[in-house]
C-alpha cells in the first residue's frame, strides 16, 4: 500500500520492564506486589539483575508512543510512524525495537 500520510508524536518514551519475581526479590528492593514506582538510587542494581534473567519482558510505552501506535492501527491507511529518542545501550535499543514490532 502506498504511503498516504505520516504521523509524528513527540514525548517521553518509556520502557516498561516486566518479570515474575518472588517475595525475596521484592523485599530486597523494598517493592510491593502489583505496584509501580519511580526508581531511586537504591533500585539501580535491580535493572542488571532483571536484565540477566531469561524471563524478563520489555514493553515499549509512554503516552505519546502508545497513542501513535493506536492511531496507526485505527487509521489502517498506510500511515508511517517513526520514533527517535536517545537510548543508552544497544540492548535497550533492541528491546524497544522488538517490542514495537509486535
N, C-alpha and C. Protein backbone atom coordinates (compact mmCIF):
# COMPACT_ATOMS: atom_id res chain seq x y z
N UNK A 1 0.85 -1.17 0.00
CA UNK A 1 0.00 0.00 0.00
C UNK A 1 0.89 1.24 0.00
N UNK A 2 0.63 2.21 -0.87
CA UNK A 2 1.45 3.42 -0.91
C UNK A 2 1.26 4.25 0.35
N UNK A 3 2.29 5.00 0.69
CA UNK A 3 2.25 5.87 1.85
C UNK A 3 1.24 6.98 1.62
N UNK A 4 0.27 7.13 2.54
CA UNK A 4 -0.75 8.16 2.41
C UNK A 4 -0.61 9.26 3.44
N UNK A 5 0.31 9.13 4.33
CA UNK A 5 0.47 10.16 5.34
C UNK A 5 1.57 9.80 6.31
N UNK A 6 1.84 10.71 7.18
CA UNK A 6 2.85 10.46 8.21
C UNK A 6 2.33 11.00 9.52
N UNK A 7 2.65 10.33 10.58
CA UNK A 7 2.23 10.74 11.91
C UNK A 7 3.48 10.83 12.79
N UNK A 8 3.65 11.98 13.41
CA UNK A 8 4.80 12.19 14.27
C UNK A 8 4.30 12.59 15.65
N UNK A 9 4.76 11.88 16.63
CA UNK A 9 4.44 12.23 18.01
C UNK A 9 5.72 12.52 18.75
N UNK A 10 5.69 13.52 19.59
CA UNK A 10 6.88 13.85 20.38
C UNK A 10 6.51 13.78 21.85
N UNK A 11 7.31 13.07 22.58
CA UNK A 11 7.06 12.92 24.01
C UNK A 11 8.18 12.12 24.63
N UNK A 12 7.99 11.73 25.85
CA UNK A 12 8.99 10.95 26.56
C UNK A 12 8.64 9.47 26.47
N UNK A 13 9.45 8.69 25.79
CA UNK A 13 9.16 7.26 25.70
C UNK A 13 9.52 6.57 27.02
N UNK A 14 8.82 5.50 27.28
CA UNK A 14 9.10 4.68 28.44
C UNK A 14 9.40 3.27 27.98
N UNK A 15 10.16 2.57 28.76
CA UNK A 15 10.39 1.16 28.51
C UNK A 15 10.04 0.42 29.80
N UNK A 16 8.88 -0.23 29.79
CA UNK A 16 8.46 -1.00 30.96
C UNK A 16 9.24 -2.30 31.03
N UNK A 17 9.57 -2.70 32.22
CA UNK A 17 10.26 -3.96 32.45
C UNK A 17 9.31 -4.83 33.26
N UNK A 18 9.01 -6.00 32.73
CA UNK A 18 8.07 -6.90 33.38
C UNK A 18 8.71 -8.26 33.60
N UNK A 19 8.53 -8.80 34.81
CA UNK A 19 9.13 -10.08 35.14
C UNK A 19 8.43 -10.66 36.36
N UNK A 20 8.24 -11.95 36.39
CA UNK A 20 7.69 -12.61 37.57
C UNK A 20 8.85 -12.83 38.54
N UNK A 21 8.68 -12.32 39.76
CA UNK A 21 9.73 -12.44 40.78
C UNK A 21 9.12 -12.98 42.08
N UNK A 22 9.98 -13.40 42.98
CA UNK A 22 9.48 -13.91 44.26
C UNK A 22 9.49 -12.80 45.32
N UNK A 23 8.95 -13.13 46.48
CA UNK A 23 8.85 -12.16 47.57
C UNK A 23 10.23 -11.68 48.03
N UNK A 24 11.22 -12.55 47.99
CA UNK A 24 12.58 -12.16 48.39
C UNK A 24 13.11 -11.03 47.51
N UNK A 25 12.84 -11.10 46.22
CA UNK A 25 13.27 -10.03 45.30
C UNK A 25 12.57 -8.73 45.67
N UNK A 26 11.26 -8.79 45.90
CA UNK A 26 10.51 -7.58 46.28
C UNK A 26 11.06 -6.98 47.56
N UNK A 27 11.32 -7.82 48.54
CA UNK A 27 11.84 -7.34 49.82
C UNK A 27 13.22 -6.71 49.65
N UNK A 28 14.05 -7.33 48.83
CA UNK A 28 15.41 -6.84 48.60
C UNK A 28 15.42 -5.39 48.11
N UNK A 29 14.44 -5.04 47.27
CA UNK A 29 14.39 -3.70 46.69
C UNK A 29 13.25 -2.85 47.26
N UNK A 30 12.68 -3.31 48.36
CA UNK A 30 11.60 -2.59 49.05
C UNK A 30 10.45 -2.25 48.10
N UNK A 31 9.96 -3.28 47.41
CA UNK A 31 8.86 -3.13 46.46
C UNK A 31 7.62 -3.83 46.99
N UNK A 32 6.45 -3.41 46.48
CA UNK A 32 5.18 -4.03 46.85
C UNK A 32 4.62 -4.77 45.63
N UNK A 33 3.82 -5.78 45.89
CA UNK A 33 3.15 -6.51 44.81
C UNK A 33 2.22 -5.57 44.02
N UNK A 34 2.15 -5.78 42.72
CA UNK A 34 1.22 -5.05 41.85
C UNK A 34 1.30 -3.54 42.04
N UNK A 35 2.49 -3.01 42.07
CA UNK A 35 2.71 -1.60 42.30
C UNK A 35 3.62 -1.05 41.21
N UNK A 36 3.72 0.24 41.15
CA UNK A 36 4.67 0.87 40.25
C UNK A 36 5.42 1.92 41.05
N UNK A 37 6.63 2.21 40.62
CA UNK A 37 7.47 3.16 41.37
C UNK A 37 8.18 4.09 40.41
N UNK A 38 8.69 5.15 40.94
CA UNK A 38 9.70 5.96 40.27
C UNK A 38 11.01 5.50 40.87
N UNK A 39 11.88 5.00 40.05
CA UNK A 39 13.13 4.40 40.53
C UNK A 39 13.99 5.42 41.26
N UNK A 40 14.61 4.93 42.30
CA UNK A 40 15.56 5.72 43.08
C UNK A 40 16.93 5.06 42.97
N UNK A 41 17.91 5.68 43.56
CA UNK A 41 19.27 5.15 43.51
C UNK A 41 19.33 3.71 44.03
N UNK A 42 18.56 3.39 45.04
CA UNK A 42 18.58 2.05 45.62
C UNK A 42 18.06 0.98 44.66
N UNK A 43 17.36 1.38 43.61
CA UNK A 43 16.80 0.43 42.65
C UNK A 43 17.73 0.14 41.47
N UNK A 44 18.80 0.89 41.31
CA UNK A 44 19.69 0.75 40.16
C UNK A 44 20.20 -0.69 39.97
N UNK A 45 20.65 -1.38 41.02
CA UNK A 45 21.14 -2.76 40.83
C UNK A 45 20.05 -3.73 40.35
N UNK A 46 18.81 -3.38 40.60
CA UNK A 46 17.69 -4.23 40.20
C UNK A 46 17.65 -4.43 38.69
N UNK A 47 18.01 -3.41 37.93
CA UNK A 47 17.93 -3.50 36.48
C UNK A 47 18.91 -4.51 35.90
N UNK A 48 20.12 -4.53 36.43
CA UNK A 48 21.10 -5.53 35.98
C UNK A 48 20.62 -6.93 36.34
N UNK A 49 20.08 -7.07 37.53
CA UNK A 49 19.58 -8.37 37.97
C UNK A 49 18.44 -8.85 37.08
N UNK A 50 17.52 -7.96 36.75
CA UNK A 50 16.41 -8.33 35.87
C UNK A 50 16.89 -8.63 34.45
N UNK A 51 17.80 -7.81 33.94
CA UNK A 51 18.30 -7.99 32.57
C UNK A 51 18.99 -9.34 32.39
N UNK A 52 19.53 -9.88 33.46
CA UNK A 52 20.22 -11.17 33.38
C UNK A 52 19.26 -12.35 33.34
N UNK A 53 18.00 -12.10 33.62
CA UNK A 53 17.01 -13.18 33.65
C UNK A 53 16.49 -13.48 32.25
N UNK A 54 16.19 -14.74 32.00
CA UNK A 54 15.68 -15.15 30.69
C UNK A 54 14.21 -14.78 30.51
N UNK A 55 13.48 -14.61 31.61
CA UNK A 55 12.03 -14.40 31.52
C UNK A 55 11.61 -12.93 31.60
N UNK A 56 12.56 -12.00 31.50
CA UNK A 56 12.22 -10.59 31.55
C UNK A 56 11.60 -10.16 30.22
N UNK A 57 10.60 -9.26 30.30
CA UNK A 57 9.96 -8.71 29.10
C UNK A 57 10.13 -7.20 29.10
N UNK A 58 10.39 -6.64 27.94
CA UNK A 58 10.50 -5.20 27.77
C UNK A 58 9.32 -4.75 26.92
N UNK A 59 8.57 -3.77 27.41
CA UNK A 59 7.38 -3.30 26.71
C UNK A 59 7.53 -1.80 26.47
N UNK A 60 7.59 -1.42 25.20
CA UNK A 60 7.70 0.00 24.86
C UNK A 60 6.39 0.68 25.19
N UNK A 61 6.48 1.86 25.77
CA UNK A 61 5.26 2.54 26.16
C UNK A 61 5.46 4.03 26.28
N UNK A 62 4.65 4.63 27.11
CA UNK A 62 4.60 6.07 27.26
C UNK A 62 3.38 6.58 26.51
N UNK A 63 2.77 7.65 26.99
CA UNK A 63 1.52 8.15 26.43
C UNK A 63 1.61 8.48 24.95
N UNK A 64 2.67 9.17 24.55
CA UNK A 64 2.81 9.55 23.14
C UNK A 64 2.99 8.34 22.25
N UNK A 65 3.89 7.47 22.65
CA UNK A 65 4.17 6.29 21.83
C UNK A 65 2.94 5.38 21.73
N UNK A 66 2.25 5.18 22.84
CA UNK A 66 1.05 4.35 22.80
C UNK A 66 -0.03 4.97 21.91
N UNK A 67 -0.18 6.29 21.99
CA UNK A 67 -1.18 6.98 21.16
C UNK A 67 -0.87 6.84 19.68
N UNK A 68 0.40 6.97 19.31
CA UNK A 68 0.80 6.83 17.91
C UNK A 68 0.50 5.42 17.41
N UNK A 69 0.82 4.44 18.21
CA UNK A 69 0.59 3.04 17.81
C UNK A 69 -0.90 2.76 17.61
N UNK A 70 -1.73 3.27 18.52
CA UNK A 70 -3.18 3.08 18.39
C UNK A 70 -3.71 3.82 17.17
N UNK A 71 -3.23 5.04 16.94
CA UNK A 71 -3.67 5.81 15.77
C UNK A 71 -3.32 5.07 14.48
N UNK A 72 -2.12 4.52 14.40
CA UNK A 72 -1.74 3.78 13.21
C UNK A 72 -2.65 2.58 13.00
N UNK A 73 -2.95 1.88 14.07
CA UNK A 73 -3.82 0.71 13.97
C UNK A 73 -5.23 1.13 13.55
N UNK A 74 -5.75 2.23 14.10
CA UNK A 74 -7.12 2.67 13.80
C UNK A 74 -7.26 3.19 12.38
N UNK A 75 -6.27 3.93 11.90
CA UNK A 75 -6.37 4.54 10.58
C UNK A 75 -6.28 3.52 9.45
N UNK A 76 -5.45 2.51 9.59
CA UNK A 76 -5.34 1.45 8.60
C UNK A 76 -5.16 1.98 7.18
N UNK A 77 -4.40 3.06 7.03
CA UNK A 77 -4.22 3.65 5.70
C UNK A 77 -2.75 3.83 5.33
N UNK A 78 -1.92 2.99 5.83
CA UNK A 78 -0.51 3.09 5.46
C UNK A 78 0.21 4.26 6.10
N UNK A 79 -0.23 4.65 7.25
CA UNK A 79 0.43 5.75 7.95
C UNK A 79 1.82 5.30 8.36
N UNK A 80 2.79 6.14 8.12
CA UNK A 80 4.17 5.86 8.51
C UNK A 80 4.41 6.45 9.88
N UNK A 81 4.74 5.60 10.84
CA UNK A 81 5.02 6.05 12.20
C UNK A 81 6.48 5.80 12.50
N UNK A 82 7.12 6.78 13.09
CA UNK A 82 8.53 6.66 13.42
C UNK A 82 8.78 7.27 14.78
N UNK A 83 9.80 6.77 15.45
CA UNK A 83 10.16 7.32 16.75
C UNK A 83 11.68 7.47 16.80
N UNK A 84 12.10 8.50 17.44
CA UNK A 84 13.53 8.71 17.62
C UNK A 84 13.76 9.31 18.99
N UNK A 85 14.62 8.68 19.74
CA UNK A 85 15.00 9.20 21.05
C UNK A 85 16.30 8.55 21.45
N UNK A 86 17.04 9.20 22.35
CA UNK A 86 18.31 8.60 22.78
C UNK A 86 18.09 7.45 23.75
N UNK A 87 18.71 6.34 23.49
CA UNK A 87 18.68 5.20 24.40
C UNK A 87 20.12 4.87 24.75
N UNK A 88 20.34 4.48 25.97
CA UNK A 88 21.71 4.41 26.47
C UNK A 88 22.50 3.21 25.99
N UNK A 89 21.85 2.11 25.66
CA UNK A 89 22.60 0.92 25.25
C UNK A 89 21.97 0.28 24.03
N UNK A 90 22.77 -0.48 23.31
CA UNK A 90 22.24 -1.21 22.16
C UNK A 90 21.20 -2.23 22.60
N UNK A 91 21.39 -2.82 23.78
CA UNK A 91 20.42 -3.78 24.29
C UNK A 91 19.06 -3.10 24.50
N UNK A 92 19.07 -1.89 25.09
CA UNK A 92 17.83 -1.15 25.29
C UNK A 92 17.21 -0.79 23.94
N UNK A 93 18.03 -0.36 22.99
CA UNK A 93 17.53 -0.03 21.67
C UNK A 93 16.86 -1.25 21.03
N UNK A 94 17.50 -2.40 21.12
CA UNK A 94 16.94 -3.62 20.55
C UNK A 94 15.65 -4.01 21.26
N UNK A 95 15.59 -3.84 22.56
CA UNK A 95 14.39 -4.17 23.32
C UNK A 95 13.21 -3.32 22.88
N UNK A 96 13.44 -2.02 22.73
CA UNK A 96 12.36 -1.12 22.28
C UNK A 96 11.94 -1.49 20.86
N UNK A 97 12.91 -1.68 19.98
CA UNK A 97 12.60 -2.01 18.59
C UNK A 97 11.79 -3.30 18.51
N UNK A 98 12.20 -4.33 19.22
CA UNK A 98 11.50 -5.61 19.18
C UNK A 98 10.08 -5.49 19.73
N UNK A 99 9.89 -4.74 20.80
CA UNK A 99 8.55 -4.61 21.37
C UNK A 99 7.64 -3.80 20.48
N UNK A 100 8.18 -2.86 19.71
CA UNK A 100 7.36 -2.08 18.79
C UNK A 100 6.92 -2.89 17.58
N UNK A 101 7.64 -3.93 17.25
CA UNK A 101 7.29 -4.75 16.08
C UNK A 101 6.13 -5.69 16.36
N UNK A 102 5.75 -5.83 17.61
CA UNK A 102 4.67 -6.77 17.98
C UNK A 102 3.31 -6.15 17.81
